[in-house]
Amino acid sequence: MTPPVPGTGQAGAHSTGASPHVHPRHPRLDPLADRYAARTHGMKSSEIRALFSVVSRPEVVSLAGGMPAVSALPLDAVGSMIGELVSGMGAQTLQYGSGQGDPRLRERICDVMALEGITDASPSEVVVTVGSQQGLDLVTRVFIDPGDVILAEAPSYVGALGVFQAAQAQVRHVAMDDDGLIPEALEQAVLECRARGDRVKFLYTVPNFHNPAGVTLSEARREAVMAIAEQYDLLIIEDNPYGLLGFEREPMRALRARDDERVIYLGSFSKTFSPGLRVGWVLAPLAVREKLVLATEAQVLCPPSLTQYAVARYLDTQPWREQIKVFTELYRERRDATLESLSALMPAGTTWTRPEGGFYVWLKLPHGLDAKLMQPRAVAAHVAYVPGIGFYADGGGTEHMRLSYCYPEPDQIREGVRRLARVIEAELDLHSTFDGVDTGTFRAVRAGAPPVIGPSNSDQSGDRQP
């Protein structure tokens, strides 16, 4: 049955050629409601964007948004650099540019990717984008038709889910655990989709310091995932904004470093330099690159010249590798404050991941609690988080939440976790009073089988015990 057009009450107005005289149900609210494209029907605000008005309040400790700590940059040096750039090269930096991006920046991007083992990349394979978010949108435009299936981790980056939804794709989630995407679950998903006759276009994955789960795909699993991709001719979209922000070891070898034809790589300077400049990139085979450039030109003509020149000049003149180390140490301190506070304050039955880098901890509430329903009480207690439901395309994740430690100072993090723990305890007391749910206790996890990170209500859902 064709779904009704929002605001009209008319089933299938777009597909059946409804009369232009059909009026929307609430014309004073939106007189154009009967004219929207079908792909707009499911559009909604992300759980993160919806919190912006809340987290900007000074009394609220925000563990919600993944905002980098740009105050740790040498802002005077960066400001002088950009001023000199405009005064000395204004005719270039303020002009239109190439749809593929500035050649010098593309060369430097190849230097950055070499830190993760991608040593065979050519600047001709790089397309500069307005953040990696645009790169994801371009890749989706190039590959996805309505109804196509995209395989994605459970949970998945909320911004990716929004892109996939706008493209009218079907998202099939694949389970994760402490070691990242589970290869056996990936193979099962591929086989089930093929058995149903679904067209699987690609696997979307964030292998390093996952957003929102905080886990990293292990080396053994990277090899297993690539073997599955080879066996089933599966394209992989590797989204890697956090790969250089590891706390425990050197950057892991990227999936793209293992296969230059089957993996398309998305990168960004938002986490290692500045999100406000909105500079990212796509590394793709030449045939794909050509289509991405055409899609860019149709969408924005070209990425902004000034921000590209600024990033290229920063990489040429500033100690950017040392700056990444500064960021890494800062985020490590804040990660530690988060984990220590969770261990000291969270009630029994609460579990969470222990990230080795990046920005996020993925927390599972005691059984029966709902992070979305609890959110207003948390805001009233002046602490904010992102409910887990926003990271699933299928309505899962109700017992989960994402906590971000990248922006608040350690003392703010400790206070935010204290407030959150009190909210959870109050919620448990409320449920216990009405005997509504099992408040949960710690359950033993079978030795050798890491718990699955997913929306399931089973006692293997969640992560390591605090």
Protein backbone atom coordinates (compact mmCIF):
# COMPACT_ATOMS: atom_id res chain seq x y z
CA MET A 1 0.00 0.00 0.00
CA THR A 2 1.41 3.40 -0.94
CA PRO A 3 1.98 5.56 2.14
CA PRO A 4 0.01 8.77 2.49
CA VAL A 5 1.67 12.04 1.64
CA PRO A 6 2.35 13.97 4.85
CA GLY A 7 -0.29 16.58 5.52
CA THR A 8 -2.64 15.52 2.73
CA GLY A 9 -4.37 12.37 3.86
CA GLN A 10 -4.09 11.23 0.22
CA ALA A 11 -2.56 7.83 -0.33
CA GLY A 12 0.07 7.75 -3.06
CA ALA A 13 -0.34 11.34 -4.23
CA HIS A 14 3.07 11.31 -5.84
CA SER A 15 2.90 7.93 -7.51
CA THR A 16 -0.65 8.15 -8.80
CA GLY A 17 -0.54 11.62 -10.29
CA ALA A 18 -2.95 13.21 -7.82
CA SER A 19 -4.98 16.14 -9.03
CA PRO A 20 -3.31 19.53 -8.59
CA HIS A 21 -6.54 20.63 -6.94
CA VAL A 22 -6.02 18.26 -3.98
CA HIS A 23 -5.37 20.48 -0.98
CA PRO A 24 -3.15 19.61 1.97
CA ARG A 25 -4.88 18.78 5.20
CA HIS A 26 -3.36 21.78 6.98
CA PRO A 27 -2.82 24.38 4.24
CA ARG A 28 -2.09 27.15 6.67
CA LEU A 29 0.73 25.11 8.18
CA ASP A 30 2.27 23.99 4.90
CA PRO A 31 0.47 24.82 1.65
CA LEU A 32 3.07 22.84 -0.35
CA ALA A 33 2.68 19.61 1.61
CA ASP A 34 1.17 17.75 -1.34
CA ARG A 35 4.07 18.63 -3.65
CA TYR A 36 7.05 17.22 -1.78
CA ALA A 37 9.11 14.41 -3.28
CA ALA A 38 8.53 10.95 -1.85
CA ARG A 39 12.07 10.84 -0.46
CA THR A 40 11.21 13.65 1.98
CA HIS A 41 8.52 11.65 3.78
CA GLY A 42 10.82 10.02 6.29
CA MET A 43 13.08 13.02 6.90
CA LYS A 44 13.46 13.96 10.54
CA SER A 45 15.83 15.86 12.77
CA SER A 46 18.69 13.80 14.13
CA GLU A 47 18.78 13.06 17.84
CA ILE A 48 21.96 15.16 18.07
CA ARG A 49 20.71 18.26 16.24
CA ALA A 50 17.53 18.20 18.26
CA LEU A 51 19.62 18.74 21.40
CA PHE A 52 21.44 21.89 20.25
CA SER A 53 19.12 24.33 22.01
CA VAL A 54 19.55 22.33 25.23
CA VAL A 55 23.30 21.84 25.26
CA SER A 56 23.95 25.52 24.63
CA ARG A 57 22.52 26.36 28.06
CA PRO A 58 25.41 27.06 30.46
CA GLU A 59 23.91 25.09 33.34
CA VAL A 60 23.74 21.88 31.27
CA VAL A 61 26.72 19.51 31.16
CA SER A 62 26.65 18.17 27.63
CA LEU A 63 27.85 14.63 27.06
CA ALA A 64 25.98 14.72 23.77
CA GLY A 65 27.66 16.48 20.86
CA GLY A 66 30.92 15.28 19.35
CA MET A 67 32.53 18.72 19.13
CA PRO A 68 36.34 18.67 18.88
CA ALA A 69 38.35 20.72 21.37
CA VAL A 70 39.46 23.37 18.87
CA SER A 71 40.60 25.61 21.74
CA ALA A 72 43.65 23.33 21.93
CA LEU A 73 44.80 24.62 18.55
CA PRO A 74 47.42 27.42 18.37
CA LEU A 75 44.66 29.86 17.42
CA ASP A 76 46.93 32.90 17.07
CA ALA A 77 49.18 31.07 14.63
CA VAL A 78 46.21 29.69 12.69
CA GLY A 79 44.61 33.15 12.54
CA SER A 80 47.82 34.74 11.27
CA MET A 81 48.24 31.98 8.73
CA ILE A 82 44.75 32.51 7.29
CA GLY A 83 45.18 36.30 7.27
CA GLU A 84 48.46 36.02 5.36
CA LEU A 85 46.86 33.54 3.01
CA VAL A 86 44.09 35.95 2.04
CA SER A 87 46.31 39.01 1.82
CA GLY A 88 48.91 37.19 -0.28
CA MET A 89 46.73 34.90 -2.41
CA GLY A 90 43.30 36.51 -2.28
CA ALA A 91 42.77 36.32 -6.03
CA GLN A 92 43.01 32.53 -5.79
CA THR A 93 41.58 31.79 -2.37
CA LEU A 94 38.42 33.86 -2.98
CA GLN A 95 37.74 32.52 -6.49
CA TYR A 96 35.96 29.45 -7.86
CA GLY A 97 38.04 26.30 -7.97
CA SER A 98 38.09 22.79 -9.39
CA GLY A 99 35.22 20.42 -8.72
CA GLN A 100 37.78 17.81 -7.68
CA GLY A 101 39.59 20.11 -5.28
CA ASP A 102 42.89 21.96 -5.02
CA PRO A 103 45.78 19.85 -6.38
CA ARG A 104 48.19 20.83 -3.58
CA LEU A 105 45.67 19.85 -0.91
CA ARG A 106 45.06 16.51 -2.62
CA GLU A 107 48.79 15.82 -2.50
CA ARG A 108 48.91 16.56 1.22
CA ILE A 109 45.86 14.39 1.82
CA CYS A 110 47.83 11.47 0.40
CA ASP A 111 50.56 12.21 2.97
CA VAL A 112 47.98 12.09 5.75
CA MET A 113 46.53 8.77 4.58
CA ALA A 114 50.02 7.25 4.43
CA LEU A 115 50.02 7.31 8.25
CA GLU A 116 47.38 4.56 8.09
CA GLY A 117 49.19 2.45 5.53
CA ILE A 118 47.60 3.88 2.38
CA THR A 119 50.86 4.42 0.50
CA ASP A 120 49.62 3.81 -3.04
CA ALA A 121 47.08 6.65 -3.23
CA SER A 122 47.37 9.15 -6.05
CA PRO A 123 46.15 12.77 -5.82
CA SER A 124 44.18 12.04 -8.99
CA GLU A 125 42.04 9.56 -7.00
CA VAL A 126 41.15 12.11 -4.31
CA VAL A 127 38.00 14.26 -4.40
CA VAL A 128 37.87 17.10 -1.86
CA THR A 129 34.46 17.49 -0.22
CA VAL A 130 32.63 19.80 2.19
CA GLY A 131 33.41 17.57 5.16
CA SER A 132 33.25 13.80 4.90
CA GLN A 133 29.47 14.14 5.29
CA GLN A 134 29.24 15.47 1.74
CA GLY A 135 31.56 12.69 0.64
CA LEU A 136 29.16 10.13 2.08
CA ASP A 137 26.25 11.84 0.37
CA LEU A 138 28.07 11.85 -2.99
CA VAL A 139 28.99 8.17 -2.73
CA THR A 140 25.38 7.32 -1.87
CA ARG A 141 24.07 9.37 -4.81
CA VAL A 142 26.44 7.58 -7.17
CA PHE A 143 25.63 4.03 -6.02
CA ILE A 144 22.17 3.86 -4.47
CA ASP A 145 18.79 3.51 -6.17
CA PRO A 146 15.57 3.49 -4.10
CA GLY A 147 15.12 0.10 -2.47
CA ASP A 148 18.80 -0.90 -2.57
CA VAL A 149 20.23 -2.44 0.60
CA ILE A 150 23.10 -0.96 2.57
CA LEU A 151 24.75 -3.08 5.23
CA ALA A 152 25.76 -1.04 8.28
CA GLU A 153 26.94 -1.75 11.79
CA ALA A 154 24.47 -1.86 14.67
CA PRO A 155 24.60 0.89 15.86
CA SER A 156 25.64 3.22 13.02
CA TYR A 157 26.63 6.87 12.65
CA VAL A 158 23.44 8.92 12.73
CA GLY A 159 24.56 11.21 9.89
CA ALA A 160 25.04 8.21 7.61
CA LEU A 161 21.58 6.89 8.42
CA GLY A 162 20.12 10.26 7.44
CA VAL A 163 21.89 10.14 4.07
CA PHE A 164 20.75 6.58 3.43
CA GLN A 165 17.18 7.41 4.37
CA ALA A 166 17.14 10.39 2.00
CA ALA A 167 18.33 8.06 -0.77
CA GLN A 168 15.42 5.70 0.02
CA ALA A 169 17.80 2.85 0.77
CA GLN A 170 17.04 -0.07 3.07
CA VAL A 171 19.54 -0.38 5.92
CA ARG A 172 20.28 -3.87 7.19
CA HIS A 173 22.17 -3.71 10.47
CA VAL A 174 25.04 -6.08 11.26
CA ALA A 175 25.96 -6.88 14.87
CA MET A 176 29.10 -5.61 16.61
CA ASP A 177 30.93 -6.45 19.82
CA ASP A 178 34.07 -5.23 21.60
CA ASP A 179 36.19 -6.15 18.56
CA GLY A 180 33.98 -4.32 16.08
CA LEU A 181 31.88 -5.72 13.26
CA ILE A 182 31.32 -9.47 13.60
CA PRO A 183 32.42 -11.15 10.34
CA GLU A 184 30.06 -14.12 10.74
CA ALA A 185 27.13 -11.72 11.13
CA LEU A 186 28.24 -9.85 8.01
CA GLU A 187 28.37 -13.03 5.94
CA GLN A 188 24.97 -14.11 7.25
CA ALA A 189 23.48 -10.74 6.31
CA VAL A 190 24.89 -10.97 2.79
CA LEU A 191 23.50 -14.48 2.31
CA GLU A 192 20.07 -13.58 3.69
CA CYS A 193 19.82 -10.54 1.44
CA ARG A 194 20.79 -12.58 -1.58
CA ALA A 195 18.24 -15.25 -0.69
CA ARG A 196 15.52 -12.57 -0.66
CA GLY A 197 16.70 -11.12 -3.94
CA ASP A 198 17.80 -7.82 -2.35
CA ARG A 199 20.46 -5.74 -4.07
CA VAL A 200 23.26 -5.12 -1.58
CA LYS A 201 25.24 -2.15 -2.85
CA PHE A 202 27.84 -1.75 -0.12
CA LEU A 203 28.91 -2.18 3.48
CA TYR A 204 29.23 1.08 5.41
CA THR A 205 31.66 0.85 8.34
CA VAL A 206 33.48 3.10 10.82
CA PRO A 207 36.32 0.73 11.78
CA ASN A 208 38.31 2.98 14.13
CA PHE A 209 36.92 4.27 17.44
CA HIS A 210 33.43 3.83 16.16
CA ASN A 211 30.76 6.50 16.31
CA PRO A 212 28.76 5.84 18.48
CA ALA A 213 30.03 2.52 19.90
CA GLY A 214 33.63 3.58 20.61
CA VAL A 215 35.04 0.17 19.59
CA THR A 216 37.70 -0.63 17.00
CA LEU A 217 37.72 -3.39 14.40
CA SER A 218 40.48 -5.81 15.37
CA GLU A 219 43.26 -6.77 12.98
CA ALA A 220 42.00 -10.34 12.64
CA ARG A 221 38.53 -9.12 11.82
CA ARG A 222 39.82 -6.66 9.25
CA GLU A 223 41.30 -9.57 7.38
CA ALA A 224 38.10 -11.57 7.77
CA VAL A 225 35.91 -8.70 6.54
CA MET A 226 38.13 -8.21 3.50
CA ALA A 227 37.97 -11.94 2.75
CA ILE A 228 34.16 -11.81 2.86
CA ALA A 229 34.17 -8.77 0.59
CA GLU A 230 36.35 -10.65 -1.87
CA GLN A 231 34.23 -13.80 -1.73
CA TYR A 232 30.90 -12.02 -2.24
CA ASP A 233 32.11 -9.10 -4.40
CA LEU A 234 31.09 -6.60 -1.72
CA LEU A 235 31.97 -2.92 -1.96
CA ILE A 236 33.08 -1.29 1.33
CA ILE A 237 32.71 2.36 2.30
CA GLU A 238 35.33 3.00 5.00
CA ASP A 239 34.47 6.12 7.01
CA ASN A 240 37.51 7.06 9.09
CA PRO A 241 37.43 10.48 10.78
CA TYR A 242 39.01 9.27 14.05
CA GLY A 243 41.77 6.94 12.88
CA LEU A 244 44.69 9.17 13.97
CA LEU A 245 43.24 9.78 17.44
CA GLY A 246 44.25 6.53 19.13
CA PHE A 247 45.33 6.45 22.78
CA GLU A 248 47.04 3.07 23.02
CA ARG A 249 48.97 2.44 19.81
CA GLU A 250 49.96 3.66 16.37
CA PRO A 251 47.19 4.03 13.77
CA MET A 252 45.88 0.73 12.47
CA ARG A 253 46.26 -0.17 8.81
CA ALA A 254 43.20 1.02 6.93
CA LEU A 255 40.90 -1.31 5.02
CA ARG A 256 41.70 0.72 1.90
CA ALA A 257 45.39 -0.15 2.36
CA ARG A 258 44.42 -3.80 1.77
CA ASP A 259 42.36 -3.34 -1.39
CA ASP A 260 42.43 -0.32 -3.71
CA GLU A 261 39.48 -1.42 -5.86
CA ARG A 262 36.95 -2.75 -3.36
CA VAL A 263 37.23 -0.02 -0.70
CA ILE A 264 36.22 3.63 -0.99
CA TYR A 265 37.74 5.72 1.80
CA LEU A 266 36.21 8.78 3.47
CA GLY A 267 38.43 11.15 5.46
CA SER A 268 38.06 14.46 7.26
CA PHE A 269 40.04 17.27 8.86
CA SER A 270 37.18 18.04 11.23
CA LYS A 271 38.61 15.96 14.09
CA THR A 272 42.33 16.58 13.55
CA PHE A 273 42.19 20.29 12.63
CA SER A 274 38.92 22.22 12.41
CA PRO A 275 35.29 21.18 11.87
CA GLY A 276 34.37 24.75 11.01
CA LEU A 277 36.43 24.69 7.80
CA ARG A 278 34.35 21.74 6.54
CA VAL A 279 37.08 19.98 4.54
CA GLY A 280 36.98 16.25 3.90
CA TRP A 281 37.75 13.92 1.06
CA VAL A 282 36.94 10.70 -0.78
CA LEU A 283 39.61 8.34 -2.07
CA ALA A 284 38.12 6.24 -4.88
CA PRO A 285 39.13 4.37 -8.02
CA LEU A 286 39.41 6.65 -11.04
CA ALA A 287 36.11 5.57 -12.63
CA VAL A 288 34.26 6.29 -9.39
CA ARG A 289 36.18 9.52 -8.89
CA GLU A 290 34.93 10.80 -12.25
CA LYS A 291 31.31 10.29 -11.20
CA LEU A 292 31.93 11.86 -7.79
CA VAL A 293 33.33 14.98 -9.44
CA LEU A 294 30.29 15.22 -11.72
CA ALA A 295 28.02 14.84 -8.69
CA THR A 296 29.98 17.54 -6.84
CA GLU A 297 29.68 19.95 -9.75
CA ALA A 298 25.93 19.34 -9.92
CA GLN A 299 25.56 19.84 -6.17
CA VAL A 300 27.92 22.71 -5.18
CA LEU A 301 29.99 23.47 -8.34
CA CYS A 302 33.19 23.15 -6.31
CA PRO A 303 34.31 22.90 -2.68
CA PRO A 304 35.16 26.29 -1.11
CA SER A 305 38.59 27.50 -2.20
CA LEU A 306 39.49 29.47 0.92
CA THR A 307 39.07 26.55 3.31
CA GLN A 308 41.01 24.23 1.02
CA TYR A 309 43.93 26.64 0.81
CA ALA A 310 43.79 27.11 4.58
CA VAL A 311 44.05 23.37 5.26
CA ALA A 312 46.83 22.96 2.68
CA ARG A 313 48.78 25.88 4.20
CA TYR A 314 48.25 24.44 7.69
CA LEU A 315 49.67 21.09 6.60
CA ASP A 316 52.59 22.84 4.86
CA THR A 317 53.58 25.26 7.63
CA GLN A 318 52.28 24.04 11.00
CA PRO A 319 53.45 21.06 13.13
CA TRP A 320 50.21 19.16 12.50
CA ARG A 321 51.52 15.78 13.58
CA GLU A 322 52.50 17.23 16.95
CA GLN A 323 49.10 18.92 17.17
CA ILE A 324 47.38 15.56 16.69
CA LYS A 325 49.42 14.28 19.65
CA VAL A 326 48.18 17.26 21.71
CA PHE A 327 44.60 16.38 20.82
CA THR A 328 45.19 12.72 21.58
CA GLU A 329 46.54 13.39 25.07
CA LEU A 330 43.69 15.78 25.81
CA TYR A 331 41.07 13.26 24.72
CA ARG A 332 42.81 10.46 26.60
CA GLU A 333 42.54 12.47 29.83
CA ARG A 334 38.85 13.07 29.22
CA ARG A 335 38.24 9.43 28.29
CA ASP A 336 39.88 8.39 31.54
CA ALA A 337 37.74 10.82 33.54
CA THR A 338 34.65 9.35 31.90
CA LEU A 339 35.52 5.72 32.55
CA GLU A 340 36.63 6.36 36.13
CA SER A 341 33.40 8.23 36.89
CA LEU A 342 31.24 5.56 35.29
CA SER A 343 32.97 2.84 37.30
CA ALA A 344 32.55 4.76 40.54
CA LEU A 345 28.99 6.01 40.12
CA MET A 346 26.84 3.94 37.79
CA PRO A 347 24.27 1.56 39.33
CA ALA A 348 24.45 -2.19 38.87
CA GLY A 349 23.27 -3.41 35.51
CA THR A 350 24.81 -0.50 33.59
CA THR A 351 27.52 -1.42 31.06
CA TRP A 352 29.66 0.53 28.62
CA THR A 353 32.44 0.30 26.08
CA ARG A 354 36.05 1.27 26.80
CA PRO A 355 37.31 3.18 23.76
CA GLU A 356 40.99 3.15 22.83
CA GLY A 357 40.62 6.42 20.93
CA GLY A 358 38.14 8.81 19.40
CA PHE A 359 35.30 10.62 21.15
CA TYR A 360 32.62 8.23 22.42
CA VAL A 361 31.48 5.78 25.06
CA TRP A 362 28.41 3.62 24.30
CA LEU A 363 26.42 2.95 27.45
CA LYS A 364 23.73 0.34 28.00
CA LEU A 365 21.15 1.03 30.70
CA PRO A 366 19.88 -1.58 33.16
CA HIS A 367 17.31 -3.82 31.55
CA GLY A 368 13.93 -2.19 30.97
CA LEU A 369 15.02 1.46 31.00
CA ASP A 370 14.49 3.58 27.90
CA ALA A 371 17.10 6.28 27.16
CA LYS A 372 14.71 8.32 25.02
CA LEU A 373 11.94 8.32 27.63
CA MET A 374 14.47 9.17 30.34
CA GLN A 375 15.95 12.08 28.41
CA PRO A 376 13.60 14.85 29.67
CA ARG A 377 14.44 13.92 33.27
CA ALA A 378 18.14 14.06 32.44
CA VAL A 379 17.78 17.50 30.87
CA ALA A 380 15.87 18.62 33.97
CA ALA A 381 18.87 17.41 35.98
CA HIS A 382 21.13 19.49 33.70
CA VAL A 383 22.91 16.71 31.85
CA ALA A 384 22.54 15.79 28.17
CA TYR A 385 23.28 12.66 26.17
CA VAL A 386 22.18 11.20 22.83
CA PRO A 387 19.61 8.37 23.03
CA GLY A 388 20.66 5.20 21.27
CA ILE A 389 17.54 4.97 19.11
CA GLY A 390 18.98 7.63 16.81
CA PHE A 391 21.76 5.27 15.75
CA TYR A 392 19.49 2.53 14.42
CA ALA A 393 17.39 2.46 11.27
CA ASP A 394 15.04 -0.16 12.69
CA GLY A 395 13.97 1.41 15.98
CA GLY A 396 16.49 -0.45 18.11
CA GLY A 397 18.83 0.94 20.72
CA THR A 398 16.23 2.04 23.25
CA GLU A 399 18.34 0.87 26.20
CA HIS A 400 21.48 2.60 24.94
CA MET A 401 22.95 6.09 24.91
CA ARG A 402 26.03 7.76 23.47
CA LEU A 403 28.27 9.75 25.82
CA SER A 404 30.80 12.11 24.28
CA TYR A 405 33.88 13.12 26.26
CA CYS A 406 35.71 15.20 23.64
CA TYR A 407 34.43 18.69 24.54
CA PRO A 408 33.81 19.03 28.33
CA GLU A 409 36.69 19.50 30.76
CA PRO A 410 37.41 16.49 33.03
CA ASP A 411 35.71 18.12 36.03
CA GLN A 412 32.62 18.81 33.94
CA ILE A 413 32.62 15.20 32.77
CA ARG A 414 32.73 13.95 36.35
CA GLU A 415 29.85 16.20 37.33
CA GLY A 416 27.86 15.20 34.24
CA VAL A 417 28.30 11.50 34.99
CA ARG A 418 27.30 12.11 38.62
CA ARG A 419 24.08 13.79 37.50
CA LEU A 420 23.39 11.06 34.97
CA ALA A 421 23.92 8.32 37.57
CA ARG A 422 21.36 9.97 39.84
CA VAL A 423 18.84 10.13 37.00
CA ILE A 424 19.34 6.43 36.24
CA GLU A 425 19.02 5.51 39.91
CA ALA A 426 15.80 7.52 40.18
CA GLU A 427 14.46 5.78 37.10
CA LEU A 428 15.29 2.39 38.60
CA ASP A 429 13.55 3.34 41.83
CA LEU A 430 10.46 4.42 39.89
CA HIS A 431 10.30 1.13 37.99
CA SER A 432 10.97 -0.87 41.11
CA THR A 433 8.16 0.91 42.95
CA PHE A 434 5.68 -0.06 40.28
CA ASP A 435 7.23 -3.48 39.63
CA GLY A 436 7.29 -2.54 35.98
CA VAL A 437 10.60 -4.00 34.93
CA ASP A 438 13.44 -6.21 35.99
CA THR A 439 15.96 -3.63 37.20
CA GLY A 440 18.76 -5.94 36.15
CA THR A 441 21.84 -7.36 37.77
CA PHE A 442 25.26 -8.17 36.49
CA ARG A 443 25.23 -11.29 34.41
CA ALA A 444 28.19 -13.47 33.61
CA VAL A 445 29.27 -13.48 29.98
CA ARG A 446 30.44 -16.77 28.58
CA ALA A 447 34.23 -16.85 28.57
CA GLY A 448 35.72 -16.19 25.18
CA ALA A 449 32.51 -14.75 23.70
CA PRO A 450 32.52 -10.92 23.88
CA PRO A 451 29.10 -9.37 24.44
CA VAL A 452 27.26 -8.09 21.41
CA ILE A 453 26.63 -4.36 21.04
CA GLY A 454 23.07 -4.20 19.82
CA PRO A 455 19.47 -3.45 20.58
CA SER A 456 18.69 -6.93 21.83
CA ASN A 457 17.24 -7.41 25.29
CA SER A 458 19.39 -10.48 25.81
CA ASP A 459 21.97 -10.41 28.57
CA GLN A 460 24.78 -10.32 26.02
CA SER A 461 23.72 -6.88 24.85
CA GLY A 462 26.12 -4.20 26.00
CA ASP A 463 29.78 -4.29 26.83
CA ARG A 464 32.36 -4.96 29.47
CA GLN A 465 31.25 -4.74 33.04
CA PRO A 466 32.54 -1.76 34.98
